[in-house]
Amino acid sequence: MYKIVIDSCGELPEDLKKDDHFCSVPLELEIDGVHIRDDETFNQLDFLRRVKESLKGPKSACPSPESYMETYEGEAEHVYVVTLSGKLSGSYNSAVLGANLYKEEHGDSKKQIYVFNSKSASIGETLIGMKVQELEEQSKSFEEVVREVEDYIASMNTFFVLETLETLRKAGRLSNLKAFVANTLNIKPVMGSTDEGTIQQLGQARGMKKALSKMIEDMLKKTKDCEHKILAISHCNCPERAQFVKDTIEKLAHFKRIVVVNTAGVSSMYANDGGIIIAV
């Protein structure tokens, strides 16, 4: 038996939410003194309204080691954990500490636990969880799954385009001038992940549609053997925009499968209303 634990930045499609092999560990959000749990109770529209009205902007807190420890309990002999990039959150370190504490308390347990640093976020984490399941269902050994998934992570790329830079500005990750110029001139930066799991700007375009097209162009330049890969799209309250991205990609390349989901809490915090994320 196996279990796949993913922190709540990784959005699970409806079929995986019903799959007993998958388990989500919620992060906590805070905005203007209001604490919000990033689980099935998360209200995206209410949260986005609060973000828009807030002068300070939202913050997030990673799950505690004890929260992770609880998910490691049970009959599963193989436990795989997928977290937000260790460069963006403390979730990875918390999951590792939880695994160490579990092993200390259950010294005689034969359970094997491995924590993957996704070096990504959002549906990048989801794809990693799906890869774990694919390999487990092929009856691969624990060591084989870990090795092949680490190789998969090294080959992955994540891209995103934001409607507004206000959340990044409020979080102190962007100068007021840069945010003002971008918003005034309708400039949309195309962002992506680095090999280390940090964020970089890949380019920019004037207007959302041009920026999305540039993002797709950048993704296709980096992606080989599309027909053997699953691509995932996560959108923050903009299903029509996600459909445009999906339709455009399908005209240009043939993927094994394309998954589309709405962002959960943490991804909604960073993507903000109208943001689009793709991972492959």
Protein backbone atom coordinates (compact mmCIF):
# COMPACT_ATOMS: atom_id res chain seq x y z
CA MET A 1 0.00 0.00 0.00
CA TYR A 2 1.10 3.56 -0.64
CA LYS A 3 0.05 7.10 0.25
CA ILE A 4 0.80 10.39 -1.52
CA VAL A 5 0.78 13.47 0.72
CA ILE A 6 0.69 16.89 -0.99
CA ASP A 7 0.63 20.27 0.74
CA SER A 8 -2.39 22.39 -0.15
CA CYS A 9 -0.53 24.53 -2.67
CA GLY A 10 -0.87 21.53 -4.98
CA GLU A 11 -4.39 21.50 -6.41
CA LEU A 12 -5.94 18.06 -6.78
CA PRO A 13 -8.40 17.39 -9.64
CA GLU A 14 -11.76 16.00 -8.52
CA ASP A 15 -10.83 12.39 -9.31
CA LEU A 16 -7.73 12.56 -7.10
CA LYS A 17 -9.67 14.19 -4.25
CA LYS A 18 -11.77 11.02 -4.18
CA ASP A 19 -8.72 8.74 -4.44
CA ASP A 20 -7.81 7.32 -1.02
CA HIS A 21 -4.15 7.21 -2.01
CA PHE A 22 -4.00 11.02 -1.92
CA CYS A 23 -3.96 13.22 1.16
CA SER A 24 -3.68 17.02 1.43
CA VAL A 25 -2.00 18.94 4.27
CA PRO A 26 -3.35 22.51 4.54
CA LEU A 27 -1.31 25.66 4.81
CA GLU A 28 -2.73 28.64 6.70
CA LEU A 29 -3.50 32.03 5.17
CA GLU A 30 -3.85 35.34 7.02
CA ILE A 31 -5.15 38.64 5.74
CA ASP A 32 -5.82 41.68 7.92
CA GLY A 33 -6.13 39.57 11.04
CA VAL A 34 -8.45 36.98 9.47
CA HIS A 35 -7.08 33.42 9.51
CA ILE A 36 -8.10 31.12 6.65
CA ARG A 37 -7.38 27.41 6.40
CA ASP A 38 -6.41 26.27 2.91
CA ASP A 39 -8.64 23.19 2.81
CA GLU A 40 -12.06 22.24 1.42
CA THR A 41 -13.60 25.19 3.31
CA PHE A 42 -11.54 27.75 1.33
CA ASN A 43 -13.77 30.35 -0.33
CA GLN A 44 -11.83 31.70 -3.30
CA LEU A 45 -14.16 34.60 -4.20
CA ASP A 46 -14.32 35.86 -0.61
CA PHE A 47 -10.53 35.58 -0.32
CA LEU A 48 -9.92 37.47 -3.58
CA ARG A 49 -12.26 40.23 -2.39
CA ARG A 50 -10.30 40.54 0.85
CA VAL A 51 -7.00 40.63 -1.06
CA LYS A 52 -8.27 43.42 -3.31
CA GLU A 53 -9.42 45.50 -0.34
CA SER A 54 -6.31 44.93 1.78
CA LEU A 55 -3.52 47.49 2.00
CA LYS A 56 -1.01 45.02 3.45
CA GLY A 57 -1.86 41.91 1.45
CA PRO A 58 -2.06 38.27 2.54
CA LYS A 59 0.53 36.01 4.20
CA SER A 60 0.83 32.23 4.42
CA ALA A 61 2.17 29.81 7.03
CA CYS A 62 3.36 26.28 6.27
CA PRO A 63 1.95 23.17 7.99
CA SER A 64 3.57 22.11 11.26
CA PRO A 65 5.75 18.97 11.47
CA GLU A 66 3.00 17.47 13.66
CA SER A 67 0.44 18.04 10.89
CA TYR A 68 2.64 16.10 8.51
CA MET A 69 3.29 13.38 11.10
CA GLU A 70 -0.45 12.70 11.38
CA THR A 71 -0.69 12.00 7.65
CA TYR A 72 2.15 9.46 7.85
CA GLU A 73 0.06 7.26 10.14
CA GLY A 74 -1.94 4.38 8.71
CA GLU A 75 -1.34 1.12 6.90
CA ALA A 76 0.55 2.50 3.89
CA GLU A 77 4.09 1.07 3.79
CA HIS A 78 5.25 3.63 1.23
CA VAL A 79 4.58 7.31 1.98
CA TYR A 80 5.59 9.94 -0.57
CA VAL A 81 5.34 13.63 0.32
CA VAL A 82 5.29 16.48 -2.23
CA THR A 83 5.77 20.04 -1.01
CA LEU A 84 6.11 23.56 -2.31
CA SER A 85 9.58 24.52 -3.47
CA GLY A 86 11.95 24.64 -0.52
CA LYS A 87 13.13 28.03 -1.83
CA LEU A 88 9.62 29.51 -1.53
CA SER A 89 8.24 28.00 1.67
CA GLY A 90 9.14 26.18 4.89
CA SER A 91 6.74 23.38 3.96
CA TYR A 92 9.53 21.09 2.71
CA ASN A 93 11.60 21.43 5.90
CA SER A 94 8.48 20.91 8.02
CA ALA A 95 7.61 17.70 6.14
CA VAL A 96 11.18 16.38 6.54
CA LEU A 97 11.16 17.16 10.26
CA GLY A 98 7.78 15.42 10.55
CA ALA A 99 9.25 12.33 8.87
CA ASN A 100 12.24 12.31 11.25
CA LEU A 101 9.97 12.65 14.27
CA TYR A 102 7.75 9.85 13.01
CA LYS A 103 10.75 7.53 12.63
CA GLU A 104 11.91 8.39 16.16
CA GLU A 105 8.50 7.52 17.62
CA HIS A 106 8.07 4.38 15.51
CA GLY A 107 11.56 2.94 15.54
CA ASP A 108 10.37 -0.55 14.72
CA SER A 109 8.14 0.53 11.82
CA LYS A 110 8.95 -0.73 8.33
CA LYS A 111 7.19 2.28 6.79
CA GLN A 112 9.30 4.12 4.22
CA ILE A 113 8.83 7.89 3.92
CA TYR A 114 10.36 10.19 1.32
CA VAL A 115 9.81 13.95 0.95
CA PHE A 116 10.09 15.46 -2.52
CA ASN A 117 11.06 19.11 -2.88
CA SER A 118 8.89 19.92 -5.92
CA LYS A 119 11.03 22.95 -6.84
CA SER A 120 7.67 24.13 -8.15
CA ALA A 121 4.23 24.96 -6.78
CA SER A 122 0.53 24.59 -7.59
CA ILE A 123 -0.14 22.02 -10.31
CA GLY A 124 3.59 21.33 -10.56
CA GLU A 125 3.15 19.50 -7.26
CA THR A 126 0.05 17.76 -8.60
CA LEU A 127 1.93 16.37 -11.59
CA ILE A 128 4.61 14.98 -9.29
CA GLY A 129 1.95 13.23 -7.20
CA MET A 130 0.43 11.77 -10.35
CA LYS A 131 3.86 10.53 -11.46
CA VAL A 132 4.33 8.79 -8.11
CA GLN A 133 0.99 7.03 -8.53
CA GLU A 134 1.79 5.97 -12.09
CA LEU A 135 5.02 4.32 -10.96
CA GLU A 136 3.50 2.72 -7.86
CA GLU A 137 0.73 1.21 -9.99
CA GLN A 138 3.47 -0.31 -12.15
CA SER A 139 4.66 -2.14 -9.00
CA LYS A 140 7.99 -0.30 -8.94
CA SER A 141 10.02 -0.56 -5.74
CA PHE A 142 10.11 2.36 -3.31
CA GLU A 143 13.69 3.16 -4.34
CA GLU A 144 12.80 3.03 -8.04
CA VAL A 145 9.85 5.39 -7.54
CA VAL A 146 12.01 7.88 -5.62
CA ARG A 147 14.76 7.82 -8.22
CA GLU A 148 12.45 8.16 -11.24
CA VAL A 149 10.36 10.91 -9.64
CA GLU A 150 13.49 12.91 -8.74
CA ASP A 151 14.51 12.65 -12.40
CA TYR A 152 11.01 13.77 -13.39
CA ILE A 153 11.24 16.82 -11.10
CA ALA A 154 14.58 17.75 -12.66
CA SER A 155 12.95 17.71 -16.12
CA MET A 156 9.85 19.74 -15.16
CA ASN A 157 9.15 23.41 -15.90
CA THR A 158 6.53 25.75 -14.44
CA PHE A 159 5.34 28.97 -16.09
CA PHE A 160 2.82 31.64 -15.09
CA VAL A 161 1.31 34.96 -16.08
CA LEU A 162 -0.36 37.31 -13.58
CA GLU A 163 -3.19 39.73 -14.23
CA THR A 164 -1.84 42.11 -11.58
CA LEU A 165 1.43 42.52 -9.68
CA GLU A 166 -0.27 44.04 -6.62
CA THR A 167 0.10 41.00 -4.37
CA LEU A 168 3.83 40.75 -5.13
CA ARG A 169 4.17 44.49 -4.48
CA LYS A 170 2.33 44.28 -1.15
CA ALA A 171 4.49 41.29 -0.17
CA GLY A 172 7.59 43.42 -0.76
CA ARG A 173 8.81 41.32 -3.69
CA LEU A 174 8.44 44.08 -6.25
CA SER A 175 9.10 47.82 -6.25
CA ASN A 176 6.13 50.22 -6.24
CA LEU A 177 7.45 51.84 -9.40
CA LYS A 178 7.74 48.57 -11.33
CA ALA A 179 4.24 47.53 -10.30
CA PHE A 180 2.83 50.95 -11.20
CA VAL A 181 4.48 50.99 -14.62
CA ALA A 182 3.38 47.44 -15.39
CA ASN A 183 -0.21 48.04 -14.34
CA THR A 184 -0.44 51.43 -16.07
CA LEU A 185 1.00 50.22 -19.37
CA ASN A 186 -0.85 46.86 -19.19
CA ILE A 187 2.48 45.00 -19.26
CA LYS A 188 2.19 41.36 -18.18
CA PRO A 189 5.42 39.61 -17.18
CA VAL A 190 5.88 35.96 -18.15
CA MET A 191 7.38 34.17 -15.16
CA GLY A 192 8.87 30.72 -14.69
CA SER A 193 10.68 28.42 -12.29
CA THR A 194 14.45 28.03 -12.09
CA ASP A 195 16.26 24.71 -11.66
CA GLU A 196 16.71 25.55 -7.98
CA GLY A 197 13.00 26.23 -7.46
CA THR A 198 13.03 30.02 -7.35
CA ILE A 199 11.11 32.41 -9.65
CA GLN A 200 12.50 34.24 -12.66
CA GLN A 201 11.08 36.57 -15.29
CA LEU A 202 11.25 35.02 -18.75
CA GLY A 203 9.82 37.92 -20.70
CA GLN A 204 6.86 40.26 -20.93
CA ALA A 205 4.14 41.39 -23.31
CA ARG A 206 1.57 44.12 -23.53
CA GLY A 207 -1.84 42.67 -22.80
CA MET A 208 -2.87 39.36 -21.30
CA LYS A 209 -3.52 37.46 -24.54
CA LYS A 210 -0.05 38.27 -25.91
CA ALA A 211 1.55 37.33 -22.59
CA LEU A 212 -0.26 33.98 -22.54
CA SER A 213 0.85 33.29 -26.11
CA LYS A 214 4.44 34.13 -25.14
CA MET A 215 4.19 31.79 -22.14
CA ILE A 216 2.98 28.98 -24.39
CA GLU A 217 5.78 29.69 -26.86
CA ASP A 218 8.38 29.54 -24.06
CA MET A 219 6.88 26.31 -22.72
CA LEU A 220 6.96 24.57 -26.11
CA LYS A 221 10.59 25.59 -26.67
CA LYS A 222 11.57 23.82 -23.44
CA THR A 223 9.30 20.77 -23.75
CA LYS A 224 10.34 17.69 -25.71
CA ASP A 225 8.32 14.52 -26.41
CA CYS A 226 5.01 16.26 -25.71
CA GLU A 227 2.96 13.21 -26.70
CA HIS A 228 4.39 11.29 -23.73
CA LYS A 229 3.76 14.05 -21.17
CA ILE A 230 0.88 15.34 -19.09
CA LEU A 231 0.48 19.13 -19.00
CA ALA A 232 -1.45 20.87 -16.25
CA ILE A 233 -3.11 24.29 -16.21
CA SER A 234 -4.22 26.05 -13.03
CA HIS A 235 -6.28 29.22 -13.16
CA CYS A 236 -7.38 31.70 -10.52
CA ASN A 237 -11.06 32.38 -11.13
CA CYS A 238 -10.70 32.60 -14.94
CA PRO A 239 -11.90 29.36 -16.60
CA GLU A 240 -12.31 31.03 -20.00
CA ARG A 241 -8.68 32.14 -19.97
CA ALA A 242 -7.58 28.61 -19.02
CA GLN A 243 -9.66 27.24 -21.90
CA PHE A 244 -7.94 29.67 -24.29
CA VAL A 245 -4.54 28.39 -23.13
CA LYS A 246 -5.65 24.77 -23.46
CA ASP A 247 -7.12 25.29 -26.94
CA THR A 248 -4.01 27.16 -28.12
CA ILE A 249 -1.67 24.45 -26.85
CA GLU A 250 -3.76 21.70 -28.48
CA LYS A 251 -3.43 23.46 -31.85
CA LEU A 252 0.36 23.60 -31.53
CA ALA A 253 1.26 20.28 -29.87
CA HIS A 254 -0.16 16.92 -28.87
CA PHE A 255 0.12 16.07 -25.18
CA LYS A 256 -0.74 12.75 -23.59
CA ARG A 257 -3.26 14.59 -21.40
CA ILE A 258 -4.08 18.15 -20.33
CA VAL A 259 -5.46 18.71 -16.81
CA VAL A 260 -7.24 21.96 -15.85
CA VAL A 261 -7.98 22.97 -12.24
CA ASN A 262 -8.93 26.09 -10.28
CA THR A 263 -6.34 27.38 -7.81
CA ALA A 264 -6.69 26.59 -4.12
CA GLY A 265 -5.75 29.04 -1.35
CA VAL A 266 -1.98 29.49 -1.51
CA SER A 267 -1.90 29.52 -5.31
CA SER A 268 -4.80 32.00 -5.34
CA MET A 269 -2.77 34.23 -3.02
CA TYR A 270 0.15 34.45 -5.45
CA ALA A 271 -1.59 34.05 -8.81
CA ASN A 272 -4.28 36.55 -7.80
CA ASP A 273 -7.55 37.01 -9.67
CA GLY A 274 -6.99 36.13 -13.34
CA GLY A 275 -3.60 34.44 -12.99
CA ILE A 276 -2.65 31.39 -15.09
CA ILE A 277 -0.09 28.71 -14.22
CA ILE A 278 1.08 25.85 -16.42
CA ALA A 279 3.42 22.98 -15.54
CA VAL A 280 4.80 20.14 -17.62
